[in-house]
Amino acid sequence: MTTYKGGAILLAEDGRKFDTEADLTKDSSGSWRGTLSFRDVTLFRALLNISDGHLLIDGRTGEFVRPDTSDWAANPAGPRVMRILGSGEAPF
C-alpha cells in the first residue's frame, strides 16, 4: 500500500482551483481513495456540490469522484473534510 499526505490542488470541472491537504492511500491493484481537508471554511459553499474533479500533486493529476456530497466532516471552526474515490491512475 502506498500513501500520500500533503499539499494538493483540487481542480474543479468549472476551472476553479482550491488548495487542500490530501490524505490518500493506493492499494496493490492501483485503486486509490482518501480525504481532502480545506482549512478555509469560507470555501464551504463553493465546494458543497463538487461531485468530481481532478487532484494535482507535484505536477501529476488524478481524476476523482465524490460519491456522497453530503459527507462533510467538520466542526464550525475546523477544516472541512470530503471523501474521494480515485478514478484511474493515482497522482502520487
C-alpha atoms as a PDB file:
ATOM      1  CA  MET A   1       0.000   0.000   0.000  1.00  0.00           C
ATOM      2  CA  THR A   2       1.251   3.465  -0.916  1.00  0.00           C
ATOM      3  CA  THR A   3       0.223   6.605   0.945  1.00  0.00           C
ATOM      4  CA  TYR A   4       0.429  10.337   0.392  1.00  0.00           C
ATOM      5  CA  LYS A   5      -0.185  13.010   2.983  1.00  0.00           C
ATOM      6  CA  GLY A   6       0.499  16.599   1.991  1.00  0.00           C
ATOM      7  CA  GLY A   7      -0.492  19.552  -0.122  1.00  0.00           C
ATOM      8  CA  ALA A   8      -2.559  19.260  -3.289  1.00  0.00           C
ATOM      9  CA  ILE A   9      -4.768  21.356  -5.524  1.00  0.00           C
ATOM     10  CA  LEU A  10      -8.341  20.390  -6.299  1.00  0.00           C
ATOM     11  CA  LEU A  11      -9.147  21.298  -9.905  1.00  0.00           C
ATOM     12  CA  ALA A  12     -12.920  21.627 -10.230  1.00  0.00           C
ATOM     13  CA  GLU A  13     -14.647  20.830 -13.515  1.00  0.00           C
ATOM     14  CA  ASP A  14     -15.588  24.516 -13.910  1.00  0.00           C
ATOM     15  CA  GLY A  15     -11.908  25.560 -13.821  1.00  0.00           C
ATOM     16  CA  ARG A  16     -11.674  26.775 -10.223  1.00  0.00           C
ATOM     17  CA  LYS A  17      -8.668  25.711  -8.113  1.00  0.00           C
ATOM     18  CA  PHE A  18      -8.684  25.051  -4.364  1.00  0.00           C
ATOM     19  CA  ASP A  19      -5.689  24.433  -2.090  1.00  0.00           C
ATOM     20  CA  THR A  20      -6.166  21.357   0.063  1.00  0.00           C
ATOM     21  CA  GLU A  21      -4.386  18.890   2.328  1.00  0.00           C
ATOM     22  CA  ALA A  22      -4.697  15.362   0.946  1.00  0.00           C
ATOM     23  CA  ASP A  23      -4.554  12.119   2.928  1.00  0.00           C
ATOM     24  CA  LEU A  24      -4.598   9.364   0.303  1.00  0.00           C
ATOM     25  CA  THR A  25      -3.896   5.642   0.010  1.00  0.00           C
ATOM     26  CA  LYS A  26      -3.360   3.382  -3.008  1.00  0.00           C
ATOM     27  CA  ASP A  27      -3.648  -0.396  -2.790  1.00  0.00           C
ATOM     28  CA  SER A  28      -1.764  -3.040  -4.778  1.00  0.00           C
ATOM     29  CA  SER A  29      -4.393  -3.030  -7.519  1.00  0.00           C
ATOM     30  CA  GLY A  30      -3.839   0.705  -8.090  1.00  0.00           C
ATOM     31  CA  SER A  31      -7.176   1.801  -6.635  1.00  0.00           C
ATOM     32  CA  TRP A  32      -6.871   4.979  -4.587  1.00  0.00           C
ATOM     33  CA  ARG A  33      -9.027   6.930  -2.154  1.00  0.00           C
ATOM     34  CA  GLY A  34      -8.829   9.278   0.766  1.00  0.00           C
ATOM     35  CA  THR A  35      -9.808  12.631   2.177  1.00  0.00           C
ATOM     36  CA  LEU A  36      -9.251  16.256   1.260  1.00  0.00           C
ATOM     37  CA  SER A  37      -9.168  18.854   4.047  1.00  0.00           C
ATOM     38  CA  PHE A  38      -9.856  22.536   3.477  1.00  0.00           C
ATOM     39  CA  ARG A  39      -8.718  24.954   6.170  1.00  0.00           C
ATOM     40  CA  ASP A  40     -10.513  27.959   4.651  1.00  0.00           C
ATOM     41  CA  VAL A  41     -14.055  27.371   5.924  1.00  0.00           C
ATOM     42  CA  THR A  42     -15.347  30.184   3.688  1.00  0.00           C
ATOM     43  CA  LEU A  43     -14.919  27.788   0.737  1.00  0.00           C
ATOM     44  CA  PHE A  44     -17.703  25.541   2.027  1.00  0.00           C
ATOM     45  CA  ARG A  45     -20.375  26.899  -0.331  1.00  0.00           C
ATOM     46  CA  ALA A  46     -18.073  26.686  -3.371  1.00  0.00           C
ATOM     47  CA  LEU A  47     -17.147  23.067  -2.578  1.00  0.00           C
ATOM     48  CA  LEU A  48     -20.545  21.869  -1.386  1.00  0.00           C
ATOM     49  CA  ASN A  49     -21.772  20.274  -4.621  1.00  0.00           C
ATOM     50  CA  ILE A  50     -18.489  19.206  -6.212  1.00  0.00           C
ATOM     51  CA  SER A  51     -19.041  15.583  -7.195  1.00  0.00           C
ATOM     52  CA  ASP A  52     -15.918  15.047  -9.313  1.00  0.00           C
ATOM     53  CA  GLY A  53     -12.752  16.745 -10.450  1.00  0.00           C
ATOM     54  CA  HIS A  54      -9.004  16.378 -10.661  1.00  0.00           C
ATOM     55  CA  LEU A  55      -6.339  16.451  -7.991  1.00  0.00           C
ATOM     56  CA  LEU A  56      -2.923  17.958  -8.744  1.00  0.00           C
ATOM     57  CA  ILE A  57       0.067  16.720  -6.708  1.00  0.00           C
ATOM     58  CA  ASP A  58       3.615  17.701  -7.678  1.00  0.00           C
ATOM     59  CA  GLY A  59       2.662  18.242 -11.323  1.00  0.00           C
ATOM     60  CA  ARG A  60       0.711  14.961 -11.667  1.00  0.00           C
ATOM     61  CA  THR A  61      -3.069  14.868 -11.973  1.00  0.00           C
ATOM     62  CA  GLY A  62      -5.530  12.211 -10.946  1.00  0.00           C
ATOM     63  CA  GLU A  63      -9.245  12.114 -11.582  1.00  0.00           C
ATOM     64  CA  PHE A  64     -11.641  11.502  -8.703  1.00  0.00           C
ATOM     65  CA  VAL A  65     -15.310  11.157  -7.881  1.00  0.00           C
ATOM     66  CA  ARG A  66     -17.017  12.124  -4.667  1.00  0.00           C
ATOM     67  CA  PRO A  67     -19.753   9.541  -4.175  1.00  0.00           C
ATOM     68  CA  ASP A  68     -21.554  11.422  -1.394  1.00  0.00           C
ATOM     69  CA  THR A  69     -21.702  15.228  -1.475  1.00  0.00           C
ATOM     70  CA  SER A  70     -23.326  15.264   1.970  1.00  0.00           C
ATOM     71  CA  ASP A  71     -20.334  13.588   3.631  1.00  0.00           C
ATOM     72  CA  TRP A  72     -18.746  16.737   5.094  1.00  0.00           C
ATOM     73  CA  ALA A  73     -16.970  16.010   8.347  1.00  0.00           C
ATOM     74  CA  ALA A  74     -16.067  19.166  10.242  1.00  0.00           C
ATOM     75  CA  ASN A  75     -16.610  21.358  13.192  1.00  0.00           C
ATOM     76  CA  PRO A  76     -17.591  25.000  12.637  1.00  0.00           C
ATOM     77  CA  ALA A  77     -14.094  26.353  13.338  1.00  0.00           C
ATOM     78  CA  GLY A  78     -12.062  23.476  11.907  1.00  0.00           C
ATOM     79  CA  PRO A  79     -11.223  22.212   8.458  1.00  0.00           C
ATOM     80  CA  ARG A  80     -13.867  20.889   6.090  1.00  0.00           C
ATOM     81  CA  VAL A  81     -13.155  17.316   5.010  1.00  0.00           C
ATOM     82  CA  MET A  82     -14.513  15.480   1.957  1.00  0.00           C
ATOM     83  CA  ARG A  83     -14.028  11.846   0.978  1.00  0.00           C
ATOM     84  CA  ILE A  84     -12.995  10.965  -2.575  1.00  0.00           C
ATOM     85  CA  LEU A  85     -12.506   7.832  -4.691  1.00  0.00           C
ATOM     86  CA  GLY A  86      -9.843   7.853  -7.360  1.00  0.00           C
ATOM     87  CA  SER A  87     -10.798   7.104 -10.927  1.00  0.00           C
ATOM     88  CA  GLY A  88      -7.830   5.932 -12.948  1.00  0.00           C
ATOM     89  CA  GLU A  89      -4.149   6.448 -12.209  1.00  0.00           C
ATOM     90  CA  ALA A  90      -3.196   7.966  -8.850  1.00  0.00           C
ATOM     91  CA  PRO A  91      -1.360  11.330  -8.833  1.00  0.00           C
ATOM     92  CA  PHE A  92       1.191  10.104  -6.259  1.00  0.00           C
END
